[in-house]
């Protein structure tokens, strides 16, 4: 977590894990034991969930596997340039429908995205605990990802997460090196209001 305090200043006391987590692009390519990757999914498994529907779904590929190359190819070129050194790639999906208890017909699941976002955060924090880093990417061709992973229509494709051991920034190109540092956040006043909305964006 060393280095984050130059850009990250909490306004109120908070556990260091929340400020210390950030999304690097430089990875070493170190092989990741599959058992450790499963620990990340185990953490996500216990995420709070609306009506306990647990809509999050993950598809993973370890570096060197055919699935890794297929998933990597769906990313934007700028992301492929650095994500190829990750130890694993994880597609984050969610079921947009659920089957309520006692029902035989699936119903729309309006909370699928917020639940899945919470599951992704659980995964990311568990990775940090084990000494791995994560970087979620929204820059991808979602239709290509759907085809590569055979994703059914009733699942939303949110992002692909790169997991790996943090590497040296010198492995990145100049534009990426300039961004290889923890970034700041908007102040609480820009995102929190009491009683009624007081922000415009």
C-alpha atoms as a PDB file:
ATOM      1  CA  UNK A   1       0.000   0.000   0.000  1.00  0.00           C
ATOM      2  CA  UNK A   2       3.023   2.257   0.036  1.00  0.00           C
ATOM      3  CA  UNK A   3       2.686   5.176  -2.343  1.00  0.00           C
ATOM      4  CA  UNK A   4      -1.035   5.752  -2.255  1.00  0.00           C
ATOM      5  CA  UNK A   5      -0.955   8.525   0.353  1.00  0.00           C
ATOM      6  CA  UNK A   6       0.386  11.053  -2.154  1.00  0.00           C
ATOM      7  CA  UNK A   7      -2.980  11.095  -3.941  1.00  0.00           C
ATOM      8  CA  UNK A   8      -5.448   9.522  -1.517  1.00  0.00           C
ATOM      9  CA  UNK A   9      -6.620  11.390   1.542  1.00  0.00           C
ATOM     10  CA  UNK A  10      -9.660  10.011   3.404  1.00  0.00           C
ATOM     11  CA  UNK A  11     -11.978  12.625   4.870  1.00  0.00           C
ATOM     12  CA  UNK A  12     -13.003  10.253   7.680  1.00  0.00           C
ATOM     13  CA  UNK A  13     -11.342   7.216   9.273  1.00  0.00           C
ATOM     14  CA  UNK A  14     -11.524   4.116   7.080  1.00  0.00           C
ATOM     15  CA  UNK A  15      -9.737   0.771   6.962  1.00  0.00           C
ATOM     16  CA  UNK A  16      -6.525   1.080   4.873  1.00  0.00           C
ATOM     17  CA  UNK A  17      -7.632  -1.751   2.562  1.00  0.00           C
ATOM     18  CA  UNK A  18     -10.115   0.557   0.866  1.00  0.00           C
ATOM     19  CA  UNK A  19      -7.587   3.290   0.133  1.00  0.00           C
ATOM     20  CA  UNK A  20      -4.702   0.949  -0.579  1.00  0.00           C
ATOM     21  CA  UNK A  21      -6.499  -0.956  -3.326  1.00  0.00           C
ATOM     22  CA  UNK A  22      -5.939   0.462  -6.805  1.00  0.00           C
ATOM     23  CA  UNK A  23      -5.787  -0.888 -10.347  1.00  0.00           C
ATOM     24  CA  UNK A  24      -2.282  -1.257 -11.786  1.00  0.00           C
ATOM     25  CA  UNK A  25      -1.547  -2.165 -15.391  1.00  0.00           C
ATOM     26  CA  UNK A  26       1.956  -3.540 -14.937  1.00  0.00           C
ATOM     27  CA  UNK A  27       1.981  -7.252 -14.138  1.00  0.00           C
ATOM     28  CA  UNK A  28       4.824  -9.751 -13.903  1.00  0.00           C
ATOM     29  CA  UNK A  29       3.101 -12.695 -15.577  1.00  0.00           C
ATOM     30  CA  UNK A  30       3.765 -14.859 -12.522  1.00  0.00           C
ATOM     31  CA  UNK A  31       1.652 -18.046 -12.714  1.00  0.00           C
ATOM     32  CA  UNK A  32      -1.323 -17.992 -10.356  1.00  0.00           C
ATOM     33  CA  UNK A  33      -2.215 -21.211  -8.540  1.00  0.00           C
ATOM     34  CA  UNK A  34      -5.776 -22.136  -9.411  1.00  0.00           C
ATOM     35  CA  UNK A  35      -6.550 -22.720  -5.715  1.00  0.00           C
ATOM     36  CA  UNK A  36      -5.698 -19.076  -4.954  1.00  0.00           C
ATOM     37  CA  UNK A  37      -7.895 -17.915  -7.824  1.00  0.00           C
ATOM     38  CA  UNK A  38     -10.729 -19.986  -6.333  1.00  0.00           C
ATOM     39  CA  UNK A  39     -10.272 -18.103  -3.047  1.00  0.00           C
ATOM     40  CA  UNK A  40     -11.203 -14.920  -4.913  1.00  0.00           C
ATOM     41  CA  UNK A  41     -14.418 -16.520  -6.114  1.00  0.00           C
ATOM     42  CA  UNK A  42     -15.101 -17.866  -2.637  1.00  0.00           C
ATOM     43  CA  UNK A  43     -14.968 -14.313  -1.279  1.00  0.00           C
ATOM     44  CA  UNK A  44     -17.379 -13.170  -3.989  1.00  0.00           C
ATOM     45  CA  UNK A  45     -19.681 -16.076  -3.196  1.00  0.00           C
ATOM     46  CA  UNK A  46     -20.533 -14.587   0.216  1.00  0.00           C
ATOM     47  CA  UNK A  47     -21.489 -11.145  -1.088  1.00  0.00           C
ATOM     48  CA  UNK A  48     -24.850  -9.700   0.061  1.00  0.00           C
ATOM     49  CA  UNK A  49     -27.567 -10.429  -2.474  1.00  0.00           C
ATOM     50  CA  UNK A  50     -31.127  -9.231  -3.066  1.00  0.00           C
ATOM     51  CA  UNK A  51     -33.503 -12.079  -2.089  1.00  0.00           C
ATOM     52  CA  UNK A  52     -30.367 -14.243  -2.027  1.00  0.00           C
ATOM     53  CA  UNK A  53     -30.543 -14.663  -5.814  1.00  0.00           C
ATOM     54  CA  UNK A  54     -26.743 -14.402  -6.196  1.00  0.00           C
ATOM     55  CA  UNK A  55     -26.798 -13.219  -9.832  1.00  0.00           C
ATOM     56  CA  UNK A  56     -23.030 -12.864 -10.273  1.00  0.00           C
ATOM     57  CA  UNK A  57     -21.252 -15.255 -12.622  1.00  0.00           C
ATOM     58  CA  UNK A  58     -17.553 -15.490 -13.448  1.00  0.00           C
ATOM     59  CA  UNK A  59     -15.709 -17.125 -16.345  1.00  0.00           C
ATOM     60  CA  UNK A  60     -11.952 -17.335 -15.878  1.00  0.00           C
ATOM     61  CA  UNK A  61      -8.905 -18.241 -17.925  1.00  0.00           C
ATOM     62  CA  UNK A  62      -5.371 -18.729 -16.637  1.00  0.00           C
ATOM     63  CA  UNK A  63      -2.431 -17.330 -18.607  1.00  0.00           C
ATOM     64  CA  UNK A  64      -1.217 -19.759 -21.235  1.00  0.00           C
ATOM     65  CA  UNK A  65      -4.585 -21.421 -21.732  1.00  0.00           C
ATOM     66  CA  UNK A  66      -6.597 -21.172 -24.979  1.00  0.00           C
ATOM     67  CA  UNK A  67      -9.332 -19.404 -23.056  1.00  0.00           C
ATOM     68  CA  UNK A  68      -6.924 -16.666 -21.993  1.00  0.00           C
ATOM     69  CA  UNK A  69      -6.083 -15.788 -25.583  1.00  0.00           C
ATOM     70  CA  UNK A  70      -9.731 -15.862 -26.602  1.00  0.00           C
ATOM     71  CA  UNK A  71     -10.747 -13.523 -23.785  1.00  0.00           C
ATOM     72  CA  UNK A  72      -7.770 -11.230 -24.333  1.00  0.00           C
ATOM     73  CA  UNK A  73      -8.741 -10.828 -27.989  1.00  0.00           C
ATOM     74  CA  UNK A  74     -12.090  -9.277 -26.998  1.00  0.00           C
ATOM     75  CA  UNK A  75     -10.397  -6.397 -25.147  1.00  0.00           C
ATOM     76  CA  UNK A  76      -9.671  -2.995 -26.633  1.00  0.00           C
ATOM     77  CA  UNK A  77      -6.174  -2.857 -28.128  1.00  0.00           C
ATOM     78  CA  UNK A  78      -5.008  -0.436 -25.430  1.00  0.00           C
ATOM     79  CA  UNK A  79      -6.000  -2.967 -22.765  1.00  0.00           C
ATOM     80  CA  UNK A  80      -4.562  -5.963 -24.610  1.00  0.00           C
ATOM     81  CA  UNK A  81      -1.169  -4.239 -24.594  1.00  0.00           C
ATOM     82  CA  UNK A  82      -0.794  -4.678 -20.824  1.00  0.00           C
ATOM     83  CA  UNK A  83      -3.402  -7.282 -19.855  1.00  0.00           C
ATOM     84  CA  UNK A  84      -1.484  -9.941 -21.784  1.00  0.00           C
ATOM     85  CA  UNK A  85       0.948 -10.042 -18.837  1.00  0.00           C
ATOM     86  CA  UNK A  86      -1.805 -10.860 -16.328  1.00  0.00           C
ATOM     87  CA  UNK A  87      -1.867 -14.206 -14.574  1.00  0.00           C
ATOM     88  CA  UNK A  88      -5.592 -14.664 -15.150  1.00  0.00           C
ATOM     89  CA  UNK A  89      -8.505 -12.972 -16.824  1.00  0.00           C
ATOM     90  CA  UNK A  90     -12.022 -13.066 -15.375  1.00  0.00           C
ATOM     91  CA  UNK A  91     -15.206 -12.135 -17.226  1.00  0.00           C
ATOM     92  CA  UNK A  92     -17.795 -10.668 -14.859  1.00  0.00           C
ATOM     93  CA  UNK A  93     -21.363 -11.526 -15.837  1.00  0.00           C
ATOM     94  CA  UNK A  94     -24.730 -11.380 -14.134  1.00  0.00           C
ATOM     95  CA  UNK A  95     -28.075 -13.127 -14.557  1.00  0.00           C
ATOM     96  CA  UNK A  96     -30.690 -10.541 -15.505  1.00  0.00           C
ATOM     97  CA  UNK A  97     -33.476 -12.924 -14.465  1.00  0.00           C
ATOM     98  CA  UNK A  98     -34.078 -15.008 -11.361  1.00  0.00           C
ATOM     99  CA  UNK A  99     -36.448 -17.787 -10.372  1.00  0.00           C
ATOM    100  CA  UNK A 100     -38.349 -16.715  -7.238  1.00  0.00           C
ATOM    101  CA  UNK A 101     -39.038 -19.395  -4.643  1.00  0.00           C
ATOM    102  CA  UNK A 102     -42.134 -21.367  -5.573  1.00  0.00           C
ATOM    103  CA  UNK A 103     -42.210 -20.008  -9.128  1.00  0.00           C
ATOM    104  CA  UNK A 104     -41.619 -21.857 -12.386  1.00  0.00           C
ATOM    105  CA  UNK A 105     -41.238 -18.702 -14.486  1.00  0.00           C
ATOM    106  CA  UNK A 106     -38.120 -16.524 -14.353  1.00  0.00           C
ATOM    107  CA  UNK A 107     -38.648 -12.873 -13.435  1.00  0.00           C
ATOM    108  CA  UNK A 108     -36.530  -9.797 -14.224  1.00  0.00           C
ATOM    109  CA  UNK A 109     -33.873  -9.252 -11.576  1.00  0.00           C
ATOM    110  CA  UNK A 110     -33.597  -5.461 -11.143  1.00  0.00           C
ATOM    111  CA  UNK A 111     -30.773  -5.742  -8.584  1.00  0.00           C
ATOM    112  CA  UNK A 112     -28.466  -7.971 -10.649  1.00  0.00           C
ATOM    113  CA  UNK A 113     -25.955  -5.232 -11.499  1.00  0.00           C
ATOM    114  CA  UNK A 114     -25.570  -3.766  -8.011  1.00  0.00           C
ATOM    115  CA  UNK A 115     -25.203  -7.227  -6.463  1.00  0.00           C
ATOM    116  CA  UNK A 116     -22.601  -8.217  -9.037  1.00  0.00           C
ATOM    117  CA  UNK A 117     -20.663  -4.994  -8.502  1.00  0.00           C
ATOM    118  CA  UNK A 118     -20.512  -5.819  -4.803  1.00  0.00           C
ATOM    119  CA  UNK A 119     -19.286  -9.335  -5.628  1.00  0.00           C
ATOM    120  CA  UNK A 120     -16.528  -7.920  -7.826  1.00  0.00           C
ATOM    121  CA  UNK A 121     -15.364  -5.720  -4.941  1.00  0.00           C
ATOM    122  CA  UNK A 122     -15.258  -8.727  -2.613  1.00  0.00           C
ATOM    123  CA  UNK A 123     -13.135 -10.533  -5.189  1.00  0.00           C
ATOM    124  CA  UNK A 124     -10.790  -7.570  -5.530  1.00  0.00           C
ATOM    125  CA  UNK A 125     -10.240  -7.193  -1.784  1.00  0.00           C
ATOM    126  CA  UNK A 126      -9.557 -10.926  -1.384  1.00  0.00           C
ATOM    127  CA  UNK A 127      -6.992 -10.692  -4.166  1.00  0.00           C
ATOM    128  CA  UNK A 128      -5.225  -7.906  -2.264  1.00  0.00           C
ATOM    129  CA  UNK A 129      -5.178 -10.030   0.896  1.00  0.00           C
ATOM    130  CA  UNK A 130      -3.388 -12.795  -1.034  1.00  0.00           C
ATOM    131  CA  UNK A 131      -0.850 -10.445  -2.607  1.00  0.00           C
ATOM    132  CA  UNK A 132      -2.447 -10.246  -6.057  1.00  0.00           C
ATOM    133  CA  UNK A 133      -3.703  -7.131  -7.819  1.00  0.00           C
ATOM    134  CA  UNK A 134      -6.763  -6.640  -9.999  1.00  0.00           C
ATOM    135  CA  UNK A 135      -7.785  -4.259 -12.759  1.00  0.00           C
ATOM    136  CA  UNK A 136     -11.321  -4.274 -14.173  1.00  0.00           C
ATOM    137  CA  UNK A 137     -11.701  -3.255 -17.805  1.00  0.00           C
ATOM    138  CA  UNK A 138     -14.835  -1.944 -19.474  1.00  0.00           C
ATOM    139  CA  UNK A 139     -12.957  -1.328 -22.721  1.00  0.00           C
ATOM    140  CA  UNK A 140     -13.926  -4.442 -24.642  1.00  0.00           C
ATOM    141  CA  UNK A 141     -16.128  -5.766 -27.413  1.00  0.00           C
ATOM    142  CA  UNK A 142     -19.008  -7.239 -25.434  1.00  0.00           C
ATOM    143  CA  UNK A 143     -20.536  -9.022 -28.392  1.00  0.00           C
ATOM    144  CA  UNK A 144     -17.197 -10.659 -29.143  1.00  0.00           C
ATOM    145  CA  UNK A 145     -16.923 -11.631 -25.468  1.00  0.00           C
ATOM    146  CA  UNK A 146     -20.399 -13.159 -25.598  1.00  0.00           C
ATOM    147  CA  UNK A 147     -19.456 -15.231 -28.609  1.00  0.00           C
ATOM    148  CA  UNK A 148     -16.079 -16.292 -27.236  1.00  0.00           C
ATOM    149  CA  UNK A 149     -17.597 -17.414 -23.925  1.00  0.00           C
ATOM    150  CA  UNK A 150     -20.980 -18.628 -25.259  1.00  0.00           C
ATOM    151  CA  UNK A 151     -22.815 -16.217 -22.927  1.00  0.00           C
ATOM    152  CA  UNK A 152     -26.617 -16.724 -23.040  1.00  0.00           C
ATOM    153  CA  UNK A 153     -28.870 -13.766 -23.816  1.00  0.00           C
ATOM    154  CA  UNK A 154     -30.246 -13.519 -20.267  1.00  0.00           C
ATOM    155  CA  UNK A 155     -26.812 -12.695 -18.849  1.00  0.00           C
ATOM    156  CA  UNK A 156     -25.283  -9.202 -18.837  1.00  0.00           C
ATOM    157  CA  UNK A 157     -21.568  -8.876 -19.611  1.00  0.00           C
ATOM    158  CA  UNK A 158     -20.048  -6.172 -17.408  1.00  0.00           C
ATOM    159  CA  UNK A 159     -16.263  -6.260 -17.632  1.00  0.00           C
ATOM    160  CA  UNK A 160     -13.116  -8.364 -17.754  1.00  0.00           C
ATOM    161  CA  UNK A 161     -10.789  -8.322 -14.747  1.00  0.00           C
ATOM    162  CA  UNK A 162      -7.042  -8.829 -15.055  1.00  0.00           C
ATOM    163  CA  UNK A 163      -5.430 -10.506 -12.030  1.00  0.00           C
ATOM    164  CA  UNK A 164      -1.717 -10.701 -11.425  1.00  0.00           C
ATOM    165  CA  UNK A 165       1.328  -9.831  -9.385  1.00  0.00           C
ATOM    166  CA  UNK A 166       2.175  -6.138  -9.648  1.00  0.00           C
ATOM    167  CA  UNK A 167       5.100  -5.581 -11.971  1.00  0.00           C
ATOM    168  CA  UNK A 168       7.458  -2.750 -12.846  1.00  0.00           C
ATOM    169  CA  UNK A 169       5.985   0.242 -14.668  1.00  0.00           C
ATOM    170  CA  UNK A 170       8.888   0.109 -17.144  1.00  0.00           C
ATOM    171  CA  UNK A 171       7.111  -2.768 -18.893  1.00  0.00           C
ATOM    172  CA  UNK A 172       4.392  -0.339 -19.995  1.00  0.00           C
ATOM    173  CA  UNK A 173       4.450   2.136 -22.843  1.00  0.00           C
ATOM    174  CA  UNK A 174       4.932   5.828 -22.074  1.00  0.00           C
ATOM    175  CA  UNK A 175       1.240   6.729 -21.950  1.00  0.00           C
ATOM    176  CA  UNK A 176       0.478   3.849 -19.591  1.00  0.00           C
ATOM    177  CA  UNK A 177       3.472   4.575 -17.368  1.00  0.00           C
ATOM    178  CA  UNK A 178       2.096   8.066 -16.766  1.00  0.00           C
ATOM    179  CA  UNK A 179      -1.096   6.511 -15.388  1.00  0.00           C
ATOM    180  CA  UNK A 180       0.555   3.796 -13.276  1.00  0.00           C
ATOM    181  CA  UNK A 181      -0.243   5.269  -9.872  1.00  0.00           C
ATOM    182  CA  UNK A 182      -3.190   5.384  -7.483  1.00  0.00           C
ATOM    183  CA  UNK A 183      -5.663   8.081  -8.468  1.00  0.00           C
ATOM    184  CA  UNK A 184      -7.685  10.418  -6.285  1.00  0.00           C
ATOM    185  CA  UNK A 185     -11.442  10.424  -5.691  1.00  0.00           C
ATOM    186  CA  UNK A 186     -14.155  13.059  -5.732  1.00  0.00           C
ATOM    187  CA  UNK A 187     -14.985  14.542  -2.312  1.00  0.00           C
ATOM    188  CA  UNK A 188     -17.802  13.005  -0.290  1.00  0.00           C
ATOM    189  CA  UNK A 189     -19.899  16.139  -0.843  1.00  0.00           C
ATOM    190  CA  UNK A 190     -20.027  15.322  -4.551  1.00  0.00           C
ATOM    191  CA  UNK A 191     -21.617  11.918  -3.937  1.00  0.00           C
ATOM    192  CA  UNK A 192     -23.460  12.007  -0.596  1.00  0.00           C
ATOM    193  CA  UNK A 193     -26.547  14.031   0.328  1.00  0.00           C
ATOM    194  CA  UNK A 194     -28.853  14.101   3.359  1.00  0.00           C
ATOM    195  CA  UNK A 195     -32.600  13.912   2.846  1.00  0.00           C
ATOM    196  CA  UNK A 196     -32.750  14.858  -0.809  1.00  0.00           C
ATOM    197  CA  UNK A 197     -30.544  15.131  -3.863  1.00  0.00           C
ATOM    198  CA  UNK A 198     -28.196  18.097  -3.808  1.00  0.00           C
ATOM    199  CA  UNK A 199     -25.938  17.110  -6.695  1.00  0.00           C
ATOM    200  CA  UNK A 200     -26.523  17.469 -10.437  1.00  0.00           C
ATOM    201  CA  UNK A 201     -24.283  14.736 -11.831  1.00  0.00           C
END
